[in-house]
Full PDB file with SEQRES, HELIX, SHEET, SSBOND, CRYST1, ORIGX, SCALE, CONECT and MASTER records, all heavy atoms in Angstrom:
SEQRES   1 A   34  ALA VAL THR GLY ILE LEU PHE THR ILE ILE ALA VAL SER          
SEQRES   2 A   34  VAL SER GLY PHE TYR SER VAL LEU PHE ILE ALA LEU LEU          
SEQRES   3 A   34  GLY LEU ALA ASN ALA LEU VAL TRP                              
HELIX    1 AA1 VAL A    2  SER A   13  1                                  12    
HELIX    2 AA2 GLY A   16  ALA A   24  1                                   9    
HELIX    3 AA3 LEU A   26  ASN A   30  1                                   5    
CRYST1    1.000    1.000    1.000  90.00  90.00  90.00 P 1           1          
ORIGX1      1.000000  0.000000  0.000000        0.00000                         
ORIGX2      0.000000  1.000000  0.000000        0.00000                         
ORIGX3      0.000000  0.000000  1.000000        0.00000                         
SCALE1      1.000000  0.000000  0.000000        0.00000                         
SCALE2      0.000000  1.000000  0.000000        0.00000                         
SCALE3      0.000000  0.000000  1.000000        0.00000                         
ATOM      1  N   ALA A   1      58.828-172.765-105.829  1.00  0.00           N  
ATOM      2  CA  ALA A   1      59.308-172.809-107.216  1.00  0.00           C  
ATOM      3  C   ALA A   1      58.358-172.081-108.162  1.00  0.00           C  
ATOM      4  O   ALA A   1      58.791-171.295-109.018  1.00  0.00           O  
ATOM      5  CB  ALA A   1      59.491-174.256-107.656  1.00  0.00           C  
ATOM      6  N   VAL A   2      57.056-172.330-108.016  1.00  0.00           N  
ATOM      7  CA  VAL A   2      56.062-171.669-108.871  1.00  0.00           C  
ATOM      8  C   VAL A   2      56.093-170.162-108.645  1.00  0.00           C  
ATOM      9  O   VAL A   2      56.047-169.366-109.597  1.00  0.00           O  
ATOM     10  CB  VAL A   2      54.658-172.236-108.601  1.00  0.00           C  
ATOM     11  CG1 VAL A   2      53.596-171.417-109.323  1.00  0.00           C  
ATOM     12  CG2 VAL A   2      54.576-173.699-109.027  1.00  0.00           C  
ATOM     13  N   THR A   3      56.186-169.758-107.377  1.00  0.00           N  
ATOM     14  CA  THR A   3      56.253-168.324-107.045  1.00  0.00           C  
ATOM     15  C   THR A   3      57.497-167.689-107.649  1.00  0.00           C  
ATOM     16  O   THR A   3      57.448-166.577-108.179  1.00  0.00           O  
ATOM     17  CB  THR A   3      56.256-168.128-105.520  1.00  0.00           C  
ATOM     18  OG1 THR A   3      55.104-168.750-104.954  1.00  0.00           O  
ATOM     19  CG2 THR A   3      56.233-166.644-105.166  1.00  0.00           C  
ATOM     20  N   GLY A   4      58.631-168.406-107.585  1.00  0.00           N  
ATOM     21  CA  GLY A   4      59.865-167.895-108.167  1.00  0.00           C  
ATOM     22  C   GLY A   4      59.744-167.668-109.661  1.00  0.00           C  
ATOM     23  O   GLY A   4      60.215-166.653-110.191  1.00  0.00           O  
ATOM     24  N   ILE A   5      59.099-168.612-110.364  1.00  0.00           N  
ATOM     25  CA  ILE A   5      58.890-168.469-111.810  1.00  0.00           C  
ATOM     26  C   ILE A   5      58.036-167.238-112.108  1.00  0.00           C  
ATOM     27  O   ILE A   5      58.381-166.415-112.966  1.00  0.00           O  
ATOM     28  CB  ILE A   5      58.230-169.736-112.389  1.00  0.00           C  
ATOM     29  CG1 ILE A   5      59.198-170.934-112.292  1.00  0.00           C  
ATOM     30  CG2 ILE A   5      57.817-169.517-113.852  1.00  0.00           C  
ATOM     31  CD1 ILE A   5      58.538-172.270-112.590  1.00  0.00           C  
ATOM     32  N   LEU A   6      56.933-167.103-111.385  1.00  0.00           N  
ATOM     33  CA  LEU A   6      56.017-165.977-111.614  1.00  0.00           C  
ATOM     34  C   LEU A   6      56.679-164.642-111.313  1.00  0.00           C  
ATOM     35  O   LEU A   6      56.572-163.687-112.096  1.00  0.00           O  
ATOM     36  CB  LEU A   6      54.757-166.151-110.757  1.00  0.00           C  
ATOM     37  CG  LEU A   6      53.833-167.310-111.131  1.00  0.00           C  
ATOM     38  CD1 LEU A   6      52.681-167.421-110.143  1.00  0.00           C  
ATOM     39  CD2 LEU A   6      53.292-167.123-112.554  1.00  0.00           C  
ATOM     40  N   PHE A   7      57.376-164.541-110.185  1.00  0.00           N  
ATOM     41  CA  PHE A   7      58.024-163.282-109.802  1.00  0.00           C  
ATOM     42  C   PHE A   7      59.111-162.893-110.810  1.00  0.00           C  
ATOM     43  O   PHE A   7      59.279-161.713-111.116  1.00  0.00           O  
ATOM     44  CB  PHE A   7      58.621-163.388-108.405  1.00  0.00           C  
ATOM     45  CG  PHE A   7      57.616-163.325-107.289  1.00  0.00           C  
ATOM     46  CD1 PHE A   7      58.004-163.526-105.968  1.00  0.00           C  
ATOM     47  CD2 PHE A   7      56.277-163.072-107.544  1.00  0.00           C  
ATOM     48  CE1 PHE A   7      57.081-163.464-104.931  1.00  0.00           C  
ATOM     49  CE2 PHE A   7      55.343-163.015-106.508  1.00  0.00           C  
ATOM     50  CZ  PHE A   7      55.750-163.210-105.197  1.00  0.00           C  
ATOM     51  N   THR A   8      59.847-163.891-111.321  1.00  0.00           N  
ATOM     52  CA  THR A   8      60.888-163.600-112.305  1.00  0.00           C  
ATOM     53  C   THR A   8      60.284-163.068-113.595  1.00  0.00           C  
ATOM     54  O   THR A   8      60.768-162.072-114.163  1.00  0.00           O  
ATOM     55  CB  THR A   8      61.727-164.852-112.604  1.00  0.00           C  
ATOM     56  OG1 THR A   8      62.309-165.346-111.404  1.00  0.00           O  
ATOM     57  CG2 THR A   8      62.829-164.523-113.601  1.00  0.00           C  
ATOM     58  N   ILE A   9      59.224-163.720-114.082  1.00  0.00           N  
ATOM     59  CA  ILE A   9      58.575-163.285-115.325  1.00  0.00           C  
ATOM     60  C   ILE A   9      58.034-161.865-115.182  1.00  0.00           C  
ATOM     61  O   ILE A   9      58.177-161.031-116.091  1.00  0.00           O  
ATOM     62  CB  ILE A   9      57.452-164.264-115.713  1.00  0.00           C  
ATOM     63  CG1 ILE A   9      58.058-165.621-116.115  1.00  0.00           C  
ATOM     64  CG2 ILE A   9      56.614-163.701-116.857  1.00  0.00           C  
ATOM     65  CD1 ILE A   9      57.034-166.708-116.365  1.00  0.00           C  
ATOM     66  N   ILE A  10      57.447-161.567-114.019  1.00  0.00           N  
ATOM     67  CA  ILE A  10      56.946-160.207-113.781  1.00  0.00           C  
ATOM     68  C   ILE A  10      58.103-159.208-113.751  1.00  0.00           C  
ATOM     69  O   ILE A  10      58.027-158.126-114.333  1.00  0.00           O  
ATOM     70  CB  ILE A  10      56.148-160.144-112.463  1.00  0.00           C  
ATOM     71  CG1 ILE A  10      54.877-160.992-112.571  1.00  0.00           C  
ATOM     72  CG2 ILE A  10      55.780-158.691-112.134  1.00  0.00           C  
ATOM     73  CD1 ILE A  10      54.122-161.152-111.263  1.00  0.00           C  
ATOM     74  N   ALA A  11      59.196-159.583-113.088  1.00  0.00           N  
ATOM     75  CA  ALA A  11      60.347-158.681-112.945  1.00  0.00           C  
ATOM     76  C   ALA A  11      60.947-158.295-114.294  1.00  0.00           C  
ATOM     77  O   ALA A  11      61.391-157.151-114.472  1.00  0.00           O  
ATOM     78  CB  ALA A  11      61.409-159.331-112.066  1.00  0.00           C  
ATOM     79  N   VAL A  12      60.983-159.239-115.256  1.00  0.00           N  
ATOM     80  CA  VAL A  12      61.558-158.919-116.565  1.00  0.00           C  
ATOM     81  C   VAL A  12      60.529-158.309-117.512  1.00  0.00           C  
ATOM     82  O   VAL A  12      60.887-157.907-118.627  1.00  0.00           O  
ATOM     83  CB  VAL A  12      62.180-160.176-117.228  1.00  0.00           C  
ATOM     84  CG1 VAL A  12      63.334-160.693-116.380  1.00  0.00           C  
ATOM     85  CG2 VAL A  12      61.143-161.260-117.455  1.00  0.00           C  
ATOM     86  N   SER A  13      59.272-158.222-117.068  1.00  0.00           N  
ATOM     87  CA  SER A  13      58.201-157.711-117.921  1.00  0.00           C  
ATOM     88  C   SER A  13      57.778-156.290-117.573  1.00  0.00           C  
ATOM     89  O   SER A  13      57.251-155.569-118.429  1.00  0.00           O  
ATOM     90  CB  SER A  13      56.978-158.631-117.849  1.00  0.00           C  
ATOM     91  OG  SER A  13      57.311-159.952-118.229  1.00  0.00           O  
ATOM     92  N   VAL A  14      57.985-155.873-116.317  1.00  0.00           N  
ATOM     93  CA  VAL A  14      57.614-154.523-115.907  1.00  0.00           C  
ATOM     94  C   VAL A  14      58.861-153.655-115.851  1.00  0.00           C  
ATOM     95  O   VAL A  14      59.979-154.125-116.077  1.00  0.00           O  
ATOM     96  CB  VAL A  14      56.891-154.534-114.543  1.00  0.00           C  
ATOM     97  CG1 VAL A  14      55.614-155.364-114.623  1.00  0.00           C  
ATOM     98  CG2 VAL A  14      57.794-155.071-113.436  1.00  0.00           C  
ATOM     99  N   SER A  15      58.688-152.387-115.531  1.00  0.00           N  
ATOM    100  CA  SER A  15      59.832-151.474-115.561  1.00  0.00           C  
ATOM    101  C   SER A  15      60.025-150.764-114.224  1.00  0.00           C  
ATOM    102  O   SER A  15      59.164-150.804-113.347  1.00  0.00           O  
ATOM    103  CB  SER A  15      59.633-150.426-116.668  1.00  0.00           C  
ATOM    104  OG  SER A  15      58.433-149.698-116.449  1.00  0.00           O  
ATOM    105  N   GLY A  16      61.191-150.139-114.094  1.00  0.00           N  
ATOM    106  CA  GLY A  16      61.476-149.289-112.947  1.00  0.00           C  
ATOM    107  C   GLY A  16      61.494-150.008-111.614  1.00  0.00           C  
ATOM    108  O   GLY A  16      61.883-151.177-111.514  1.00  0.00           O  
ATOM    109  N   PHE A  17      61.021-149.299-110.587  1.00  0.00           N  
ATOM    110  CA  PHE A  17      61.078-149.822-109.227  1.00  0.00           C  
ATOM    111  C   PHE A  17      60.254-151.087-109.061  1.00  0.00           C  
ATOM    112  O   PHE A  17      60.602-151.942-108.248  1.00  0.00           O  
ATOM    113  CB  PHE A  17      60.599-148.758-108.234  1.00  0.00           C  
ATOM    114  CG  PHE A  17      60.624-149.232-106.813  1.00  0.00           C  
ATOM    115  CD1 PHE A  17      61.824-149.336-106.113  1.00  0.00           C  
ATOM    116  CD2 PHE A  17      59.452-149.606-106.160  1.00  0.00           C  
ATOM    117  CE1 PHE A  17      61.856-149.790-104.804  1.00  0.00           C  
ATOM    118  CE2 PHE A  17      59.472-150.064-104.852  1.00  0.00           C  
ATOM    119  CZ  PHE A  17      60.677-150.148-104.174  1.00  0.00           C  
ATOM    120  N   TYR A  18      59.161-151.225-109.836  1.00  0.00           N  
ATOM    121  CA  TYR A  18      58.334-152.424-109.710  1.00  0.00           C  
ATOM    122  C   TYR A  18      59.125-153.670-110.105  1.00  0.00           C  
ATOM    123  O   TYR A  18      58.971-154.742-109.520  1.00  0.00           O  
ATOM    124  CB  TYR A  18      57.069-152.296-110.563  1.00  0.00           C  
ATOM    125  CG  TYR A  18      56.100-151.274-110.021  1.00  0.00           C  
ATOM    126  CD1 TYR A  18      55.939-150.042-110.646  1.00  0.00           C  
ATOM    127  CD2 TYR A  18      55.363-151.535-108.863  1.00  0.00           C  
ATOM    128  CE1 TYR A  18      55.059-149.089-110.141  1.00  0.00           C  
ATOM    129  CE2 TYR A  18      54.479-150.598-108.352  1.00  0.00           C  
ATOM    130  CZ  TYR A  18      54.340-149.368-108.991  1.00  0.00           C  
ATOM    131  OH  TYR A  18      53.481-148.433-108.475  1.00  0.00           O  
ATOM    132  N   SER A  19      59.977-153.537-111.111  1.00  0.00           N  
ATOM    133  CA  SER A  19      60.822-154.659-111.507  1.00  0.00           C  
ATOM    134  C   SER A  19      61.785-155.028-110.380  1.00  0.00           C  
ATOM    135  O   SER A  19      61.959-156.201-110.053  1.00  0.00           O  
ATOM    136  CB  SER A  19      61.612-154.296-112.769  1.00  0.00           C  
ATOM    137  OG  SER A  19      62.478-155.349-113.138  1.00  0.00           O  
ATOM    138  N   VAL A  20      62.403-154.009-109.778  1.00  0.00           N  
ATOM    139  CA  VAL A  20      63.313-154.243-108.652  1.00  0.00           C  
ATOM    140  C   VAL A  20      62.570-154.897-107.490  1.00  0.00           C  
ATOM    141  O   VAL A  20      63.094-155.812-106.838  1.00  0.00           O  
ATOM    142  CB  VAL A  20      63.948-152.918-108.184  1.00  0.00           C  
ATOM    143  CG1 VAL A  20      64.803-153.136-106.935  1.00  0.00           C  
ATOM    144  CG2 VAL A  20      64.804-152.316-109.288  1.00  0.00           C  
ATOM    145  N   LEU A  21      61.361-154.464-107.245  1.00  0.00           N  
ATOM    146  CA  LEU A  21      60.565-155.010-106.145  1.00  0.00           C  
ATOM    147  C   LEU A  21      60.341-156.505-106.308  1.00  0.00           C  
ATOM    148  O   LEU A  21      60.458-157.274-105.339  1.00  0.00           O  
ATOM    149  CB  LEU A  21      59.213-154.285-106.069  1.00  0.00           C  
ATOM    150  CG  LEU A  21      58.251-154.767-104.975  1.00  0.00           C  
ATOM    151  CD1 LEU A  21      58.848-154.559-103.586  1.00  0.00           C  
ATOM    152  CD2 LEU A  21      56.911-154.041-105.088  1.00  0.00           C  
ATOM    153  N   PHE A  22      60.070-156.947-107.535  1.00  0.00           N  
ATOM    154  CA  PHE A  22      59.824-158.377-107.740  1.00  0.00           C  
ATOM    155  C   PHE A  22      61.116-159.193-107.690  1.00  0.00           C  
ATOM    156  O   PHE A  22      61.074-160.377-107.348  1.00  0.00           O  
ATOM    157  CB  PHE A  22      59.055-158.609-109.044  1.00  0.00           C  
ATOM    158  CG  PHE A  22      57.574-158.443-108.872  1.00  0.00           C  
ATOM    159  CD1 PHE A  22      56.956-157.231-109.159  1.00  0.00           C  
ATOM    160  CD2 PHE A  22      56.790-159.479-108.383  1.00  0.00           C  
ATOM    161  CE1 PHE A  22      55.594-157.055-108.966  1.00  0.00           C  
ATOM    162  CE2 PHE A  22      55.427-159.320-108.178  1.00  0.00           C  
ATOM    163  CZ  PHE A  22      54.826-158.094-108.479  1.00  0.00           C  
ATOM    164  N   ILE A  23      62.250-158.576-107.995  1.00  0.00           N  
ATOM    165  CA  ILE A  23      63.520-159.266-107.763  1.00  0.00           C  
ATOM    166  C   ILE A  23      63.731-159.432-106.265  1.00  0.00           C  
ATOM    167  O   ILE A  23      64.153-160.498-105.798  1.00  0.00           O  
ATOM    168  CB  ILE A  23      64.692-158.489-108.394  1.00  0.00           C  
ATOM    169  CG1 ILE A  23      64.557-158.458-109.916  1.00  0.00           C  
ATOM    170  CG2 ILE A  23      66.032-159.112-107.990  1.00  0.00           C  
ATOM    171  CD1 ILE A  23      64.572-159.834-110.571  1.00  0.00           C  
ATOM    172  N   ALA A  24      63.408-158.396-105.491  1.00  0.00           N  
ATOM    173  CA  ALA A  24      63.519-158.492-104.030  1.00  0.00           C  
ATOM    174  C   ALA A  24      62.577-159.559-103.482  1.00  0.00           C  
ATOM    175  O   ALA A  24      62.926-160.291-102.549  1.00  0.00           O  
ATOM    176  CB  ALA A  24      63.218-157.137-103.392  1.00  0.00           C  
ATOM    177  N   LEU A  25      61.397-159.668-104.079  1.00  0.00           N  
ATOM    178  CA  LEU A  25      60.420-160.659-103.618  1.00  0.00           C  
ATOM    179  C   LEU A  25      60.848-162.093-103.922  1.00  0.00           C  
ATOM    180  O   LEU A  25      60.268-163.034-103.375  1.00  0.00           O  
ATOM    181  CB  LEU A  25      59.050-160.375-104.242  1.00  0.00           C  
ATOM    182  CG  LEU A  25      58.284-159.189-103.648  1.00  0.00           C  
ATOM    183  CD1 LEU A  25      57.022-158.910-104.442  1.00  0.00           C  
ATOM    184  CD2 LEU A  25      57.948-159.439-102.177  1.00  0.00           C  
ATOM    185  N   LEU A  26      61.871-162.253-104.757  1.00  0.00           N  
ATOM    186  CA  LEU A  26      62.420-163.597-104.942  1.00  0.00           C  
ATOM    187  C   LEU A  26      62.968-164.127-103.617  1.00  0.00           C  
ATOM    188  O   LEU A  26      63.047-165.339-103.418  1.00  0.00           O  
ATOM    189  CB  LEU A  26      63.530-163.579-105.999  1.00  0.00           C  
ATOM    190  CG  LEU A  26      63.088-163.391-107.448  1.00  0.00           C  
ATOM    191  CD1 LEU A  26      64.298-163.372-108.376  1.00  0.00           C  
ATOM    192  CD2 LEU A  26      62.112-164.488-107.874  1.00  0.00           C  
ATOM    193  N   GLY A  27      63.323-163.211-102.707  1.00  0.00           N  
ATOM    194  CA  GLY A  27      63.736-163.640-101.369  1.00  0.00           C  
ATOM    195  C   GLY A  27      62.632-164.413-100.677  1.00  0.00           C  
ATOM    196  O   GLY A  27      62.891-165.401 -99.970  1.00  0.00           O  
ATOM    197  N   LEU A  28      61.386-163.981-100.875  1.00  0.00           N  
ATOM    198  CA  LEU A  28      60.230-164.679-100.303  1.00  0.00           C  
ATOM    199  C   LEU A  28      60.082-166.062-100.941  1.00  0.00           C  
ATOM    200  O   LEU A  28      59.839-167.054-100.244  1.00  0.00           O  
ATOM    201  CB  LEU A  28      58.964-163.850-100.533  1.00  0.00           C  
ATOM    202  CG  LEU A  28      57.651-164.393 -99.965  1.00  0.00           C  
ATOM    203  CD1 LEU A  28      57.710-164.473 -98.440  1.00  0.00           C  
ATOM    204  CD2 LEU A  28      56.485-163.513-100.399  1.00  0.00           C  
ATOM    205  N   ALA A  29      60.244-166.122-102.256  1.00  0.00           N  
ATOM    206  CA  ALA A  29      60.138-167.405-102.955  1.00  0.00           C  
ATOM    207  C   ALA A  29      61.271-168.346-102.569  1.00  0.00           C  
ATOM    208  O   ALA A  29      61.090-169.567-102.527  1.00  0.00           O  
ATOM    209  CB  ALA A  29      60.148-167.172-104.468  1.00  0.00           C  
ATOM    210  N   ASN A  30      62.442-167.796-102.257  1.00  0.00           N  
ATOM    211  CA  ASN A  30      63.619-168.618-101.971  1.00  0.00           C  
ATOM    212  C   ASN A  30      63.684-169.129-100.534  1.00  0.00           C  
ATOM    213  O   ASN A  30      64.398-170.106-100.260  1.00  0.00           O  
ATOM    214  CB  ASN A  30      64.895-167.804-102.247  1.00  0.00           C  
ATOM    215  CG  ASN A  30      65.090-167.508-103.717  1.00  0.00           C  
ATOM    216  OD1 ASN A  30      64.561-168.201-104.577  1.00  0.00           O  
ATOM    217  ND2 ASN A  30      65.843-166.466-104.024  1.00  0.00           N  
ATOM    218  N   ALA A  31      62.971-168.499 -99.634  1.00  0.00           N  
ATOM    219  CA  ALA A  31      63.168-168.732 -98.203  1.00  0.00           C  
ATOM    220  C   ALA A  31      63.093-170.200 -97.789  1.00  0.00           C  
ATOM    221  O   ALA A  31      63.912-170.681 -97.001  1.00  0.00           O  
ATOM    222  CB  ALA A  31      62.161-167.904 -97.400  1.00  0.00           C  
ATOM    223  N   LEU A  32      62.111-170.934 -98.302  1.00  0.00           N  
ATOM    224  CA  LEU A  32      61.880-172.296 -97.825  1.00  0.00           C  
ATOM    225  C   LEU A  32      62.495-173.369 -98.709  1.00  0.00           C  
ATOM    226  O   LEU A  32      62.314-174.565 -98.454  1.00  0.00           O  
ATOM    227  CB  LEU A  32      60.365-172.539 -97.704  1.00  0.00           C  
ATOM    228  CG  LEU A  32      59.634-171.616 -96.733  1.00  0.00           C  
ATOM    229  CD1 LEU A  32      58.149-171.940 -96.709  1.00  0.00           C  
ATOM    230  CD2 LEU A  32      60.219-171.713 -95.336  1.00  0.00           C  
ATOM    231  N   VAL A  33      63.242-172.966 -99.738  1.00  0.00           N  
ATOM    232  CA  VAL A  33      63.804-173.945-100.663  1.00  0.00           C  
ATOM    233  C   VAL A  33      64.929-174.750-100.013  1.00  0.00           C  
ATOM    234  O   VAL A  33      64.954-175.986-100.081  1.00  0.00           O  
ATOM    235  CB  VAL A  33      64.300-173.256-101.951  1.00  0.00           C  
ATOM    236  CG1 VAL A  33      64.931-174.277-102.889  1.00  0.00           C  
ATOM    237  CG2 VAL A  33      63.147-172.548-102.659  1.00  0.00           C  
ATOM    238  N   TRP A  34      65.876-174.065 -99.384  1.00  0.00           N  
ATOM    239  CA  TRP A  34      67.004-174.753 -98.739  1.00  0.00           C  
ATOM    240  C   TRP A  34      66.533-175.783 -97.704  1.00  0.00           C  
ATOM    241  O   TRP A  34      66.915-176.956 -97.775  1.00  0.00           O  
ATOM    242  CB  TRP A  34      67.935-173.717 -98.125  1.00  0.00           C  
ATOM    243  CG  TRP A  34      69.067-174.268 -97.306  1.00  0.00           C  
ATOM    244  CD1 TRP A  34      69.020-174.698 -96.004  1.00  0.00           C  
ATOM    245  CD2 TRP A  34      70.433-174.451 -97.715  1.00  0.00           C  
ATOM    246  NE1 TRP A  34      70.252-175.123 -95.576  1.00  0.00           N  
ATOM    247  CE2 TRP A  34      71.141-174.983 -96.613  1.00  0.00           C  
ATOM    248  CE3 TRP A  34      71.120-174.205 -98.893  1.00  0.00           C  
ATOM    249  CZ2 TRP A  34      72.501-175.274 -96.670  1.00  0.00           C  
ATOM    250  CZ3 TRP A  34      72.468-174.495 -98.951  1.00  0.00           C  
ATOM    251  CH2 TRP A  34      73.152-175.024 -97.848  1.00  0.00           C  
TER     252      TRP A  34                                                      
MASTER        0    0    0    3    0    0    0    6  251    1    0    3          
END                                                                             
């Protein structure tokens, strides 16, 4: 959950491919939630 919050804030704060990368990294944050 903490990782998801941090990755989301970074994704909406940076630009271009780096923003997309942190949206993709939400997959890492989401993996163990279910």
